[in-house]
Amino acid sequence: MDNRNILYAVVGALVIAVGVLGYKVYQDNKKPQGLQINVGPDGLKIQNKSYA
């Protein structure tokens, strides 16, 4: 019976870890909002990024 409780705890921890990592990947890939300033070989570019 104790082994089953440990197994449930491990599976629960893995589910939580996958959820947290999935949310982090989502936040990292989300398009930015606001003002974007790029400096490159073509010069200075300022763009207003607004997504509705």
Protein backbone atom coordinates (compact mmCIF):
# COMPACT_ATOMS: atom_id res chain seq x y z
CA MET A 1 0.00 0.00 0.00
CA ASP A 2 2.84 2.45 0.71
CA ASN A 3 4.36 1.86 -2.73
CA ARG A 4 1.07 2.88 -4.36
CA ASN A 5 1.01 6.18 -2.45
CA ILE A 6 4.58 6.91 -3.51
CA LEU A 7 3.66 6.15 -7.12
CA TYR A 8 0.69 8.55 -6.95
CA ALA A 9 2.93 11.26 -5.48
CA VAL A 10 5.52 10.81 -8.24
CA VAL A 11 2.87 10.88 -10.99
CA GLY A 12 1.28 13.98 -9.43
CA ALA A 13 4.64 15.75 -9.27
CA LEU A 14 5.31 14.92 -12.92
CA VAL A 15 1.91 16.26 -13.98
CA ILE A 16 2.56 19.51 -12.13
CA ALA A 17 6.06 19.81 -13.63
CA VAL A 18 4.71 19.29 -17.16
CA GLY A 19 2.04 21.94 -16.55
CA VAL A 20 4.56 24.48 -15.26
CA LEU A 21 6.97 23.85 -18.15
CA GLY A 22 4.14 24.05 -20.69
CA TYR A 23 3.04 27.42 -19.28
CA LYS A 24 6.63 28.70 -19.41
CA VAL A 25 6.99 27.68 -23.07
CA TYR A 26 3.66 29.38 -23.84
CA GLN A 27 4.79 32.62 -22.17
CA ASP A 28 8.15 32.55 -23.98
CA ASN A 29 6.50 32.10 -27.39
CA LYS A 30 3.75 34.68 -26.88
CA LYS A 31 4.04 37.67 -29.19
CA PRO A 32 5.14 40.85 -27.44
CA GLN A 33 2.84 43.83 -27.06
CA GLY A 34 3.86 47.45 -26.95
CA LEU A 35 6.72 49.27 -28.56
CA GLN A 36 9.53 47.38 -30.28
CA ILE A 37 12.83 49.07 -31.12
CA ASN A 38 15.30 47.29 -33.43
CA VAL A 39 18.81 48.46 -34.27
CA GLY A 40 20.45 46.62 -37.11
CA PRO A 41 22.35 47.00 -40.35
CA ASP A 42 19.36 48.78 -41.93
CA GLY A 43 19.31 51.39 -39.19
CA LEU A 44 16.85 52.13 -36.41
CA LYS A 45 13.30 50.72 -36.65
CA ILE A 46 10.50 51.55 -34.20
CA GLN A 47 7.28 49.55 -34.45
CA ASN A 48 4.08 49.69 -32.43
CA LYS A 49 2.98 46.11 -31.66
CA SER A 50 -0.64 45.80 -30.60
CA TYR A 51 -2.49 42.52 -30.86
CA ALA A 52 -6.17 42.35 -30.08
